[in-house]
PDB file of N, CA and C in Angstrom:
ATOM      1  N   MET A   1     -13.109 -25.933  15.170  1.00  0.00           N
ATOM      2  CA  MET A   1     -11.771 -25.614  14.731  1.00  0.00           C
ATOM      3  C   MET A   1     -11.448 -26.489  13.527  1.00  0.00           C
ATOM      4  N   GLY A   2     -10.823 -25.872  12.493  1.00  0.00           N
ATOM      5  CA  GLY A   2     -10.495 -26.594  11.276  1.00  0.00           C
ATOM      6  C   GLY A   2      -9.199 -27.380  11.404  1.00  0.00           C
ATOM      7  N   GLN A   3      -9.054 -28.350  10.527  1.00  0.00           N
ATOM      8  CA  GLN A   3      -7.852 -29.182  10.480  1.00  0.00           C
ATOM      9  C   GLN A   3      -7.465 -29.298   9.016  1.00  0.00           C
ATOM     10  N   VAL A   4      -6.185 -29.063   8.705  1.00  0.00           N
ATOM     11  CA  VAL A   4      -5.717 -29.106   7.329  1.00  0.00           C
ATOM     12  C   VAL A   4      -4.475 -29.981   7.258  1.00  0.00           C
ATOM     13  N   ASN A   5      -4.408 -30.794   6.220  1.00  0.00           N
ATOM     14  CA  ASN A   5      -3.195 -31.549   5.943  1.00  0.00           C
ATOM     15  C   ASN A   5      -2.443 -30.814   4.848  1.00  0.00           C
ATOM     16  N   VAL A   6      -1.194 -30.481   5.129  1.00  0.00           N
ATOM     17  CA  VAL A   6      -0.362 -29.790   4.148  1.00  0.00           C
ATOM     18  C   VAL A   6       0.879 -30.622   3.887  1.00  0.00           C
ATOM     19  N   SER A   7       1.501 -30.358   2.752  1.00  0.00           N
ATOM     20  CA  SER A   7       2.703 -31.093   2.379  1.00  0.00           C
ATOM     21  C   SER A   7       3.844 -30.108   2.164  1.00  0.00           C
ATOM     22  N   ILE A   8       4.927 -30.330   2.904  1.00  0.00           N
ATOM     23  CA  ILE A   8       6.142 -29.526   2.763  1.00  0.00           C
ATOM     24  C   ILE A   8       7.282 -30.496   2.506  1.00  0.00           C
ATOM     25  N   ASN A   9       7.986 -30.309   1.391  1.00  0.00           N
ATOM     26  CA  ASN A   9       9.118 -31.171   1.029  1.00  0.00           C
ATOM     27  C   ASN A   9       8.699 -32.647   1.021  1.00  0.00           C
ATOM     28  N   ASP A  10       7.544 -32.891   0.428  1.00  0.00           N
ATOM     29  CA  ASP A  10       6.985 -34.245   0.289  1.00  0.00           C
ATOM     30  C   ASP A  10       6.685 -34.927   1.619  1.00  0.00           C
ATOM     31  N   ARG A  11       6.503 -34.170   2.672  1.00  0.00           N
ATOM     32  CA  ARG A  11       6.084 -34.721   3.968  1.00  0.00           C
ATOM     33  C   ARG A  11       4.764 -34.067   4.350  1.00  0.00           C
ATOM     34  N   SER A  12       3.874 -34.881   4.883  1.00  0.00           N
ATOM     35  CA  SER A  12       2.559 -34.373   5.276  1.00  0.00           C
ATOM     36  C   SER A  12       2.575 -33.934   6.727  1.00  0.00           C
ATOM     37  N   TYR A  13       1.885 -32.824   6.951  1.00  0.00           N
ATOM     38  CA  TYR A  13       1.730 -32.287   8.302  1.00  0.00           C
ATOM     39  C   TYR A  13       0.254 -31.966   8.509  1.00  0.00           C
ATOM     40  N   SER A  14      -0.253 -32.290   9.672  1.00  0.00           N
ATOM     41  CA  SER A  14      -1.622 -31.942  10.036  1.00  0.00           C
ATOM     42  C   SER A  14      -1.560 -30.681  10.897  1.00  0.00           C
ATOM     43  N   VAL A  15      -2.301 -29.655  10.467  1.00  0.00           N
ATOM     44  CA  VAL A  15      -2.230 -28.357  11.139  1.00  0.00           C
ATOM     45  C   VAL A  15      -3.644 -27.896  11.481  1.00  0.00           C
ATOM     46  N   ALA A  16      -3.829 -27.453  12.712  1.00  0.00           N
ATOM     47  CA  ALA A  16      -5.112 -26.904  13.137  1.00  0.00           C
ATOM     48  C   ALA A  16      -5.188 -25.429  12.744  1.00  0.00           C
ATOM     49  N   CYS A  17      -6.400 -24.996  12.443  1.00  0.00           N
ATOM     50  CA  CYS A  17      -6.601 -23.582  12.103  1.00  0.00           C
ATOM     51  C   CYS A  17      -8.037 -23.215  12.435  1.00  0.00           C
ATOM     52  N   GLY A  18      -8.308 -21.940  12.367  1.00  0.00           N
ATOM     53  CA  GLY A  18      -9.664 -21.465  12.612  1.00  0.00           C
ATOM     54  C   GLY A  18     -10.595 -21.872  11.488  1.00  0.00           C
ATOM     55  N   ASP A  19     -11.858 -22.017  11.807  1.00  0.00           N
ATOM     56  CA  ASP A  19     -12.842 -22.357  10.776  1.00  0.00           C
ATOM     57  C   ASP A  19     -12.822 -21.303   9.680  1.00  0.00           C
ATOM     58  N   GLY A  20     -12.827 -21.772   8.442  1.00  0.00           N
ATOM     59  CA  GLY A  20     -12.823 -20.873   7.298  1.00  0.00           C
ATOM     60  C   GLY A  20     -11.429 -20.456   6.853  1.00  0.00           C
ATOM     61  N   GLU A  21     -10.400 -20.820   7.596  1.00  0.00           N
ATOM     62  CA  GLU A  21      -9.021 -20.434   7.242  1.00  0.00           C
ATOM     63  C   GLU A  21      -8.268 -21.544   6.523  1.00  0.00           C
ATOM     64  N   GLU A  22      -8.955 -22.633   6.221  1.00  0.00           N
ATOM     65  CA  GLU A  22      -8.287 -23.803   5.650  1.00  0.00           C
ATOM     66  C   GLU A  22      -7.591 -23.494   4.324  1.00  0.00           C
ATOM     67  N   GLU A  23      -8.301 -22.863   3.412  1.00  0.00           N
ATOM     68  CA  GLU A  23      -7.699 -22.606   2.091  1.00  0.00           C
ATOM     69  C   GLU A  23      -6.523 -21.642   2.189  1.00  0.00           C
ATOM     70  N   HIS A  24      -6.647 -20.656   3.052  1.00  0.00           N
ATOM     71  CA  HIS A  24      -5.538 -19.712   3.246  1.00  0.00           C
ATOM     72  C   HIS A  24      -4.303 -20.441   3.780  1.00  0.00           C
ATOM     73  N   LEU A  25      -4.515 -21.343   4.714  1.00  0.00           N
ATOM     74  CA  LEU A  25      -3.403 -22.125   5.263  1.00  0.00           C
ATOM     75  C   LEU A  25      -2.779 -23.005   4.187  1.00  0.00           C
ATOM     76  N   ARG A  26      -3.604 -23.580   3.323  1.00  0.00           N
ATOM     77  CA  ARG A  26      -3.069 -24.389   2.211  1.00  0.00           C
ATOM     78  C   ARG A  26      -2.205 -23.525   1.283  1.00  0.00           C
ATOM     79  N   GLU A  27      -2.656 -22.307   1.003  1.00  0.00           N
ATOM     80  CA  GLU A  27      -1.884 -21.391   0.152  1.00  0.00           C
ATOM     81  C   GLU A  27      -0.537 -21.058   0.794  1.00  0.00           C
ATOM     82  N   LEU A  28      -0.564 -20.780   2.086  1.00  0.00           N
ATOM     83  CA  LEU A  28       0.682 -20.488   2.800  1.00  0.00           C
ATOM     84  C   LEU A  28       1.632 -21.679   2.749  1.00  0.00           C
ATOM     85  N   ALA A  29       1.081 -22.876   2.940  1.00  0.00           N
ATOM     86  CA  ALA A  29       1.908 -24.087   2.892  1.00  0.00           C
ATOM     87  C   ALA A  29       2.503 -24.281   1.502  1.00  0.00           C
ATOM     88  N   ARG A  30       1.715 -24.014   0.449  1.00  0.00           N
ATOM     89  CA  ARG A  30       2.249 -24.130  -0.922  1.00  0.00           C
ATOM     90  C   ARG A  30       3.391 -23.124  -1.133  1.00  0.00           C
ATOM     91  N   TYR A  31       3.214 -21.933  -0.614  1.00  0.00           N
ATOM     92  CA  TYR A  31       4.245 -20.900  -0.732  1.00  0.00           C
ATOM     93  C   TYR A  31       5.532 -21.341  -0.032  1.00  0.00           C
ATOM     94  N   LEU A  32       5.402 -21.824   1.200  1.00  0.00           N
ATOM     95  CA  LEU A  32       6.561 -22.293   1.957  1.00  0.00           C
ATOM     96  C   LEU A  32       7.186 -23.497   1.271  1.00  0.00           C
ATOM     97  N   ASP A  33       6.368 -24.401   0.773  1.00  0.00           N
ATOM     98  CA  ASP A  33       6.880 -25.581   0.078  1.00  0.00           C
ATOM     99  C   ASP A  33       7.669 -25.176  -1.169  1.00  0.00           C
ATOM    100  N   GLY A  34       7.224 -24.124  -1.840  1.00  0.00           N
ATOM    101  CA  GLY A  34       7.973 -23.628  -3.002  1.00  0.00           C
ATOM    102  C   GLY A  34       9.371 -23.182  -2.607  1.00  0.00           C
ATOM    103  N   HIS A  35       9.477 -22.458  -1.505  1.00  0.00           N
ATOM    104  CA  HIS A  35      10.790 -22.032  -1.023  1.00  0.00           C
ATOM    105  C   HIS A  35      11.637 -23.232  -0.616  1.00  0.00           C
ATOM    106  N   VAL A  36      11.040 -24.154   0.096  1.00  0.00           N
ATOM    107  CA  VAL A  36      11.783 -25.339   0.535  1.00  0.00           C
ATOM    108  C   VAL A  36      12.260 -26.124  -0.685  1.00  0.00           C
ATOM    109  N   GLY A  37      11.393 -26.273  -1.678  1.00  0.00           N
ATOM    110  CA  GLY A  37      11.772 -26.997  -2.903  1.00  0.00           C
ATOM    111  C   GLY A  37      12.933 -26.341  -3.627  1.00  0.00           C
ATOM    112  N   GLU A  38      12.906 -25.013  -3.727  1.00  0.00           N
ATOM    113  CA  GLU A  38      14.005 -24.301  -4.390  1.00  0.00           C
ATOM    114  C   GLU A  38      15.301 -24.447  -3.600  1.00  0.00           C
ATOM    115  N   LEU A  39      15.187 -24.366  -2.288  1.00  0.00           N
ATOM    116  CA  LEU A  39      16.380 -24.537  -1.451  1.00  0.00           C
ATOM    117  C   LEU A  39      16.937 -25.948  -1.587  1.00  0.00           C
ATOM    118  N   ALA A  40      16.063 -26.954  -1.605  1.00  0.00           N
ATOM    119  CA  ALA A  40      16.513 -28.344  -1.738  1.00  0.00           C
ATOM    120  C   ALA A  40      17.253 -28.541  -3.055  1.00  0.00           C
ATOM    121  N   LYS A  41      16.795 -27.859  -4.110  1.00  0.00           N
ATOM    122  CA  LYS A  41      17.493 -27.947  -5.402  1.00  0.00           C
ATOM    123  C   LYS A  41      18.878 -27.312  -5.325  1.00  0.00           C
ATOM    124  N   SER A  42      18.983 -26.190  -4.608  1.00  0.00           N
ATOM    125  CA  SER A  42      20.262 -25.468  -4.591  1.00  0.00           C
ATOM    126  C   SER A  42      21.244 -26.001  -3.548  1.00  0.00           C
ATOM    127  N   VAL A  43      20.769 -26.421  -2.379  1.00  0.00           N
ATOM    128  CA  VAL A  43      21.696 -26.884  -1.337  1.00  0.00           C
ATOM    129  C   VAL A  43      21.599 -28.380  -1.088  1.00  0.00           C
ATOM    130  N   GLY A  44      20.627 -29.028  -1.708  1.00  0.00           N
ATOM    131  CA  GLY A  44      20.452 -30.463  -1.506  1.00  0.00           C
ATOM    132  C   GLY A  44      19.556 -30.730  -0.314  1.00  0.00           C
ATOM    133  N   GLN A  45      19.309 -31.999  -0.082  1.00  0.00           N
ATOM    134  CA  GLN A  45      18.472 -32.407   1.047  1.00  0.00           C
ATOM    135  C   GLN A  45      19.333 -32.421   2.300  1.00  0.00           C
ATOM    136  N   VAL A  46      19.339 -31.294   2.998  1.00  0.00           N
ATOM    137  CA  VAL A  46      20.177 -31.151   4.200  1.00  0.00           C
ATOM    138  C   VAL A  46      19.373 -31.399   5.473  1.00  0.00           C
ATOM    139  N   GLY A  47      18.198 -31.971   5.322  1.00  0.00           N
ATOM    140  CA  GLY A  47      17.344 -32.243   6.471  1.00  0.00           C
ATOM    141  C   GLY A  47      16.183 -31.274   6.513  1.00  0.00           C
ATOM    142  N   ASP A  48      15.043 -31.811   6.958  1.00  0.00           N
ATOM    143  CA  ASP A  48      13.824 -30.991   6.996  1.00  0.00           C
ATOM    144  C   ASP A  48      13.972 -29.761   7.884  1.00  0.00           C
ATOM    145  N   ALA A  49      14.569 -29.956   9.048  1.00  0.00           N
ATOM    146  CA  ALA A  49      14.683 -28.836   9.977  1.00  0.00           C
ATOM    147  C   ALA A  49      15.506 -27.708   9.371  1.00  0.00           C
ATOM    148  N   ARG A  50      16.633 -28.023   8.761  1.00  0.00           N
ATOM    149  CA  ARG A  50      17.487 -26.989   8.160  1.00  0.00           C
ATOM    150  C   ARG A  50      16.793 -26.333   6.973  1.00  0.00           C
ATOM    151  N   LEU A  51      16.131 -27.138   6.130  1.00  0.00           N
ATOM    152  CA  LEU A  51      15.421 -26.564   4.977  1.00  0.00           C
ATOM    153  C   LEU A  51      14.294 -25.642   5.433  1.00  0.00           C
ATOM    154  N   LEU A  52      13.563 -26.067   6.462  1.00  0.00           N
ATOM    155  CA  LEU A  52      12.485 -25.222   6.974  1.00  0.00           C
ATOM    156  C   LEU A  52      13.038 -23.951   7.613  1.00  0.00           C
ATOM    157  N   LEU A  53      14.179 -24.076   8.300  1.00  0.00           N
ATOM    158  CA  LEU A  53      14.817 -22.892   8.880  1.00  0.00           C
ATOM    159  C   LEU A  53      15.222 -21.920   7.785  1.00  0.00           C
ATOM    160  N   LEU A  54      15.890 -22.412   6.754  1.00  0.00           N
ATOM    161  CA  LEU A  54      16.326 -21.541   5.657  1.00  0.00           C
ATOM    162  C   LEU A  54      15.133 -20.918   4.932  1.00  0.00           C
ATOM    163  N   ALA A  55      14.100 -21.724   4.704  1.00  0.00           N
ATOM    164  CA  ALA A  55      12.896 -21.194   4.050  1.00  0.00           C
ATOM    165  C   ALA A  55      12.238 -20.139   4.933  1.00  0.00           C
ATOM    166  N   GLY A  56      12.193 -20.397   6.237  1.00  0.00           N
ATOM    167  CA  GLY A  56      11.630 -19.413   7.162  1.00  0.00           C
ATOM    168  C   GLY A  56      12.406 -18.111   7.131  1.00  0.00           C
ATOM    169  N   LEU A  57      13.730 -18.211   7.055  1.00  0.00           N
ATOM    170  CA  LEU A  57      14.562 -17.002   6.974  1.00  0.00           C
ATOM    171  C   LEU A  57      14.319 -16.248   5.672  1.00  0.00           C
ATOM    172  N   LEU A  58      14.150 -16.982   4.571  1.00  0.00           N
ATOM    173  CA  LEU A  58      13.847 -16.329   3.294  1.00  0.00           C
ATOM    174  C   LEU A  58      12.502 -15.599   3.358  1.00  0.00           C
ATOM    175  N   VAL A  59      11.517 -16.258   3.936  1.00  0.00           N
ATOM    176  CA  VAL A  59      10.195 -15.639   4.055  1.00  0.00           C
ATOM    177  C   VAL A  59      10.271 -14.420   4.983  1.00  0.00           C
ATOM    178  N   ALA A  60      11.033 -14.547   6.077  1.00  0.00           N
ATOM    179  CA  ALA A  60      11.193 -13.407   6.991  1.00  0.00           C
ATOM    180  C   ALA A  60      11.886 -12.248   6.279  1.00  0.00           C
ATOM    181  N   ASP A  61      12.845 -12.545   5.416  1.00  0.00           N
ATOM    182  CA  ASP A  61      13.528 -11.504   4.650  1.00  0.00           C
ATOM    183  C   ASP A  61      12.552 -10.831   3.680  1.00  0.00           C
ATOM    184  N   GLU A  62      11.728 -11.622   3.012  1.00  0.00           N
ATOM    185  CA  GLU A  62      10.713 -11.057   2.120  1.00  0.00           C
ATOM    186  C   GLU A  62       9.761 -10.152   2.905  1.00  0.00           C
ATOM    187  N   TYR A  63       9.392 -10.622   4.093  1.00  0.00           N
ATOM    188  CA  TYR A  63       8.488  -9.846   4.949  1.00  0.00           C
ATOM    189  C   TYR A  63       9.138  -8.526   5.358  1.00  0.00           C
ATOM    190  N   ALA A  64      10.408  -8.577   5.735  1.00  0.00           N
ATOM    191  CA  ALA A  64      11.115  -7.353   6.133  1.00  0.00           C
ATOM    192  C   ALA A  64      11.183  -6.378   4.967  1.00  0.00           C
ATOM    193  N   ASP A  65      11.466  -6.896   3.764  1.00  0.00           N
ATOM    194  CA  ASP A  65      11.488  -6.038   2.578  1.00  0.00           C
ATOM    195  C   ASP A  65      10.118  -5.430   2.315  1.00  0.00           C
ATOM    196  N   ALA A  66       9.074  -6.236   2.492  1.00  0.00           N
ATOM    197  CA  ALA A  66       7.714  -5.737   2.278  1.00  0.00           C
ATOM    198  C   ALA A  66       7.376  -4.646   3.287  1.00  0.00           C
ATOM    199  N   LEU A  67       7.784  -4.831   4.541  1.00  0.00           N
ATOM    200  CA  LEU A  67       7.540  -3.799   5.552  1.00  0.00           C
ATOM    201  C   LEU A  67       8.256  -2.500   5.197  1.00  0.00           C
ATOM    202  N   LYS A  68       9.505  -2.605   4.745  1.00  0.00           N
ATOM    203  CA  LYS A  68      10.238  -1.401   4.335  1.00  0.00           C
ATOM    204  C   LYS A  68       9.521  -0.706   3.186  1.00  0.00           C
ATOM    205  N   ARG A  69       9.026  -1.497   2.244  1.00  0.00           N
ATOM    206  CA  ARG A  69       8.325  -0.928   1.097  1.00  0.00           C
ATOM    207  C   ARG A  69       7.036  -0.241   1.550  1.00  0.00           C
ATOM    208  N   VAL A  70       6.320  -0.868   2.477  1.00  0.00           N
ATOM    209  CA  VAL A  70       5.089  -0.268   3.009  1.00  0.00           C
ATOM    210  C   VAL A  70       5.416   1.044   3.710  1.00  0.00           C
ATOM    211  N   GLU A  71       6.489   1.057   4.504  1.00  0.00           N
ATOM    212  CA  GLU A  71       6.889   2.290   5.188  1.00  0.00           C
ATOM    213  C   GLU A  71       7.231   3.372   4.177  1.00  0.00           C
ATOM    214  N   SER A  72       7.952   2.988   3.134  1.00  0.00           N
ATOM    215  CA  SER A  72       8.324   3.948   2.094  1.00  0.00           C
ATOM    216  C   SER A  72       7.081   4.489   1.390  1.00  0.00           C
ATOM    217  N   LEU A  73       6.168   3.599   1.040  1.00  0.00           N
ATOM    218  CA  LEU A  73       4.945   4.035   0.364  1.00  0.00           C
ATOM    219  C   LEU A  73       4.071   4.884   1.278  1.00  0.00           C
ATOM    220  N   THR A  74       4.049   4.546   2.558  1.00  0.00           N
ATOM    221  CA  THR A  74       3.284   5.342   3.521  1.00  0.00           C
ATOM    222  C   THR A  74       3.850   6.757   3.604  1.00  0.00           C
ATOM    223  N   ALA A  75       5.180   6.859   3.644  1.00  0.00           N
ATOM    224  CA  ALA A  75       5.814   8.178   3.676  1.00  0.00           C
ATOM    225  C   ALA A  75       5.522   8.945   2.388  1.00  0.00           C
ATOM    226  N   GLU A  76       5.538   8.237   1.266  1.00  0.00           N
ATOM    227  CA  GLU A  76       5.260   8.887  -0.018  1.00  0.00           C
ATOM    228  C   GLU A  76       3.816   9.389  -0.065  1.00  0.00           C
ATOM    229  N   VAL A  77       2.885   8.590   0.422  1.00  0.00           N
ATOM    230  CA  VAL A  77       1.484   9.005   0.457  1.00  0.00           C
ATOM    231  C   VAL A  77       1.324  10.230   1.356  1.00  0.00           C
ATOM    232  N   LYS A  78       1.993  10.206   2.511  1.00  0.00           N
ATOM    233  CA  LYS A  78       1.926  11.353   3.426  1.00  0.00           C
ATOM    234  C   LYS A  78       2.445  12.609   2.734  1.00  0.00           C
ATOM    235  N   SER A  79       3.562  12.472   2.037  1.00  0.00           N
ATOM    236  CA  SER A  79       4.149  13.605   1.324  1.00  0.00           C
ATOM    237  C   SER A  79       3.203  14.108   0.237  1.00  0.00           C
ATOM    238  N   LEU A  80       2.607  13.182  -0.495  1.00  0.00           N
ATOM    239  CA  LEU A  80       1.669  13.584  -1.550  1.00  0.00           C
ATOM    240  C   LEU A  80       0.433  14.273  -0.975  1.00  0.00           C
ATOM    241  N   LYS A  81      -0.025  13.811   0.192  1.00  0.00           N
ATOM    242  CA  LYS A  81      -1.170  14.470   0.840  1.00  0.00           C
ATOM    243  C   LYS A  81      -0.800  15.884   1.262  1.00  0.00           C
ATOM    244  N   GLU A  82       0.437  16.069   1.753  1.00  0.00           N
ATOM    245  CA  GLU A  82       0.880  17.409   2.133  1.00  0.00           C
ATOM    246  C   GLU A  82       0.946  18.314   0.912  1.00  0.00           C
ATOM    247  N   VAL A  83       1.476  17.785  -0.197  1.00  0.00           N
ATOM    248  CA  VAL A  83       1.538  18.562  -1.437  1.00  0.00           C
ATOM    249  C   VAL A  83       0.122  18.923  -1.883  1.00  0.00           C
ATOM    250  N   GLN A  84      -0.793  17.952  -1.789  1.00  0.00           N
ATOM    251  CA  GLN A  84      -2.173  18.203  -2.182  1.00  0.00           C
ATOM    252  C   GLN A  84      -2.789  19.304  -1.314  1.00  0.00           C
ATOM    253  N   GLN A  85      -2.551  19.244  -0.014  1.00  0.00           N
ATOM    254  CA  GLN A  85      -3.084  20.268   0.886  1.00  0.00           C
ATOM    255  C   GLN A  85      -2.511  21.634   0.534  1.00  0.00           C
ATOM    256  N   ASN A  86      -1.206  21.689   0.252  1.00  0.00           N
ATOM    257  CA  ASN A  86      -0.583  22.954  -0.141  1.00  0.00           C
ATOM    258  C   ASN A  86      -1.209  23.486  -1.428  1.00  0.00           C
ATOM    259  N   GLU A  87      -1.430  22.586  -2.379  1.00  0.00           N
ATOM    260  CA  GLU A  87      -2.026  23.004  -3.650  1.00  0.00           C
ATOM    261  C   GLU A  87      -3.463  23.491  -3.444  1.00  0.00           C
ATOM    262  N   LEU A  88      -4.193  22.815  -2.562  1.00  0.00           N
ATOM    263  CA  LEU A  88      -5.557  23.263  -2.278  1.00  0.00           C
ATOM    264  C   LEU A  88      -5.539  24.649  -1.629  1.00  0.00           C
ATOM    265  N   GLY A  89      -4.570  24.873  -0.749  1.00  0.00           N
ATOM    266  CA  GLY A  89      -4.430  26.185  -0.130  1.00  0.00           C
ATOM    267  C   GLY A  89      -4.125  27.254  -1.164  1.00  0.00           C
ATOM    268  N   ARG A  90      -3.227  26.928  -2.087  1.00  0.00           N
ATOM    269  CA  ARG A  90      -2.901  27.885  -3.159  1.00  0.00           C
ATOM    270  C   ARG A  90      -4.110  28.141  -4.037  1.00  0.00           C
ATOM    271  N   GLU A  91      -4.833  27.061  -4.344  1.00  0.00           N
ATOM    272  CA  GLU A  91      -6.018  27.193  -5.184  1.00  0.00           C
ATOM    273  C   GLU A  91      -7.049  28.102  -4.515  1.00  0.00           C
ATOM    274  N   GLU A  92      -7.236  27.927  -3.213  1.00  0.00           N
ATOM    275  CA  GLU A  92      -8.185  28.772  -2.486  1.00  0.00           C
ATOM    276  C   GLU A  92      -7.723  30.230  -2.490  1.00  0.00           C
ATOM    277  N   ALA A  93      -6.412  30.447  -2.341  1.00  0.00           N
ATOM    278  CA  ALA A  93      -5.886  31.815  -2.354  1.00  0.00           C
ATOM    279  C   ALA A  93      -6.107  32.456  -3.726  1.00  0.00           C
ATOM    280  N   VAL A  94      -5.858  31.706  -4.784  1.00  0.00           N
ATOM    281  CA  VAL A  94      -6.062  32.227  -6.139  1.00  0.00           C
ATOM    282  C   VAL A  94      -7.546  32.509  -6.360  1.00  0.00           C
ATOM    283  N   GLU A  95      -8.385  31.615  -5.879  1.00  0.00           N
ATOM    284  CA  GLU A  95      -9.830  31.804  -6.027  1.00  0.00           C
ATOM    285  C   GLU A  95     -10.293  33.064  -5.290  1.00  0.00           C
ATOM    286  N   GLN A  96      -9.757  33.295  -4.088  1.00  0.00           N
ATOM    287  CA  GLN A  96     -10.121  34.491  -3.329  1.00  0.00           C
ATOM    288  C   GLN A  96      -9.648  35.750  -4.060  1.00  0.00           C
ATOM    289  N   LYS A  97      -8.420  35.715  -4.594  1.00  0.00           N
ATOM    290  CA  LYS A  97      -7.915  36.873  -5.343  1.00  0.00           C
ATOM    291  C   LYS A  97      -8.752  37.122  -6.587  1.00  0.00           C
ATOM    292  N   LEU A  98      -9.118  36.046  -7.279  1.00  0.00           N
ATOM    293  CA  LEU A  98      -9.937  36.181  -8.486  1.00  0.00           C
ATOM    294  C   LEU A  98     -11.314  36.734  -8.141  1.00  0.00           C
ATOM    295  N   THR A  99     -11.895  36.269  -7.060  1.00  0.00           N
ATOM    296  CA  THR A  99     -13.204  36.765  -6.622  1.00  0.00           C
ATOM    297  C   THR A  99     -13.109  38.251  -6.290  1.00  0.00           C
ATOM    298  N   SER A 100     -12.048  38.630  -5.585  1.00  0.00           N
ATOM    299  CA  SER A 100     -11.853  40.034  -5.242  1.00  0.00           C
ATOM    300  C   SER A 100     -11.669  40.881  -6.504  1.00  0.00           C
ATOM    301  N   PHE A 101     -10.856  40.382  -7.444  1.00  0.00           N
ATOM    302  CA  PHE A 101     -10.621  41.100  -8.695  1.00  0.00           C
ATOM    303  C   PHE A 101     -11.928  41.275  -9.465  1.00  0.00           C
ATOM    304  N   MET A 102     -12.714  40.204  -9.543  1.00  0.00           N
ATOM    305  CA  MET A 102     -13.976  40.266 -10.282  1.00  0.00           C
ATOM    306  C   MET A 102     -14.950  41.239  -9.602  1.00  0.00           C
ATOM    307  N   SER A 103     -14.956  41.236  -8.272  1.00  0.00           N
ATOM    308  CA  SER A 103     -15.836  42.141  -7.540  1.00  0.00           C
ATOM    309  C   SER A 103     -15.420  43.590  -7.787  1.00  0.00           C
ATOM    310  N   ASP A 104     -14.102  43.849  -7.738  1.00  0.00           N
ATOM    311  CA  ASP A 104     -13.606  45.200  -8.018  1.00  0.00           C
ATOM    312  C   ASP A 104     -13.939  45.617  -9.449  1.00  0.00           C
ATOM    313  N   ALA A 105     -13.753  44.690 -10.384  1.00  0.00           N
ATOM    314  CA  ALA A 105     -14.041  44.991 -11.785  1.00  0.00           C
ATOM    315  C   ALA A 105     -15.531  45.284 -11.970  1.00  0.00           C
ATOM    316  N   ALA A 106     -16.383  44.503 -11.313  1.00  0.00           N
ATOM    317  CA  ALA A 106     -17.829  44.731 -11.417  1.00  0.00           C
ATOM    318  C   ALA A 106     -18.186  46.099 -10.851  1.00  0.00           C
ATOM    319  N   GLY A 107     -17.541  46.470  -9.745  1.00  0.00           N
ATOM    320  CA  GLY A 107     -17.790  47.794  -9.151  1.00  0.00           C
ATOM    321  C   GLY A 107     -17.387  48.898 -10.102  1.00  0.00           C
ATOM    322  N   ARG A 108     -16.237  48.756 -10.757  1.00  0.00           N
ATOM    323  CA  ARG A 108     -15.787  49.775 -11.706  1.00  0.00           C
ATOM    324  C   ARG A 108     -16.716  49.867 -12.916  1.00  0.00           C
ATOM    325  N   ILE A 109     -17.176  48.709 -13.376  1.00  0.00           N
ATOM    326  CA  ILE A 109     -18.086  48.697 -14.528  1.00  0.00           C
ATOM    327  C   ILE A 109     -19.392  49.395 -14.163  1.00  0.00           C
ATOM    328  N   GLU A 110     -19.889  49.142 -12.957  1.00  0.00           N
ATOM    329  CA  GLU A 110     -21.117  49.799 -12.514  1.00  0.00           C
ATOM    330  C   GLU A 110     -20.924  51.310 -12.443  1.00  0.00           C
ATOM    331  N   LYS A 111     -19.764  51.769 -11.934  1.00  0.00           N
ATOM    332  CA  LYS A 111     -19.477  53.216 -11.869  1.00  0.00           C
ATOM    333  C   LYS A 111     -19.431  53.806 -13.272  1.00  0.00           C
ATOM    334  N   MET A 112     -18.800  53.080 -14.210  1.00  0.00           N
ATOM    335  CA  MET A 112     -18.730  53.583 -15.580  1.00  0.00           C
ATOM    336  C   MET A 112     -20.131  53.651 -16.185  1.00  0.00           C
ATOM    337  N   ALA A 113     -20.955  52.636 -15.903  1.00  0.00           N
ATOM    338  CA  ALA A 113     -22.322  52.646 -16.439  1.00  0.00           C
ATOM    339  C   ALA A 113     -23.109  53.801 -15.847  1.00  0.00           C
ATOM    340  N   ASP A 114     -22.933  54.038 -14.541  1.00  0.00           N
ATOM    341  CA  ASP A 114     -23.630  55.168 -13.902  1.00  0.00           C
ATOM    342  C   ASP A 114     -23.166  56.489 -14.526  1.00  0.00           C
ATOM    343  N   THR A 115     -21.868  56.610 -14.781  1.00  0.00           N
ATOM    344  CA  THR A 115     -21.327  57.831 -15.367  1.00  0.00           C
ATOM    345  C   THR A 115     -21.892  58.029 -16.762  1.00  0.00           C
ATOM    346  N   LEU A 116     -21.975  56.973 -17.533  1.00  0.00           N
ATOM    347  CA  LEU A 116     -22.515  57.081 -18.896  1.00  0.00           C
ATOM    348  C   LEU A 116     -24.008  57.436 -18.880  1.00  0.00           C
ATOM    349  N   GLU A 117     -24.734  56.862 -17.949  1.00  0.00           N
ATOM    350  CA  GLU A 117     -26.167  57.189 -17.846  1.00  0.00           C
ATOM    351  C   GLU A 117     -26.389  58.638 -17.418  1.00  0.00           C
ATOM    352  N   ALA A 118     -25.486  59.145 -16.577  1.00  0.00           N
ATOM    353  CA  ALA A 118     -25.624  60.520 -16.094  1.00  0.00           C
ATOM    354  C   ALA A 118     -25.266  61.522 -17.196  1.00  0.00           C
ATOM    355  N   SER A 119     -24.532  61.102 -18.180  1.00  0.00           N
ATOM    356  CA  SER A 119     -24.122  62.048 -19.224  1.00  0.00           C
ATOM    357  C   SER A 119     -25.185  62.298 -20.232  1.00  0.00           C
TER     358      SER A 119
END
């Protein structure tokens, strides 16, 4: 099991993680520290617990927005797939009509050729 030291609001924390997850955990800590730092600038040093709570709420809000965006994009992809399927259906129908038209035209041309040869 891995162990990582991270710094949030100039305080060090030792955090356990799975092997190979150390760098990812450091990135997450830097991200959280950025939020905590911005909050400390705007509201002052109101205590680590409050700053971490506010930063956690900001991150949770970002996460909720991201989930909504994913849901919206998923619905859009579904809609586009339905449109694509409809277009493929139309394309197949047009192709069948064109094939039928060409077959009928070929039959008529053959009849005309037979008529001309018989004359």
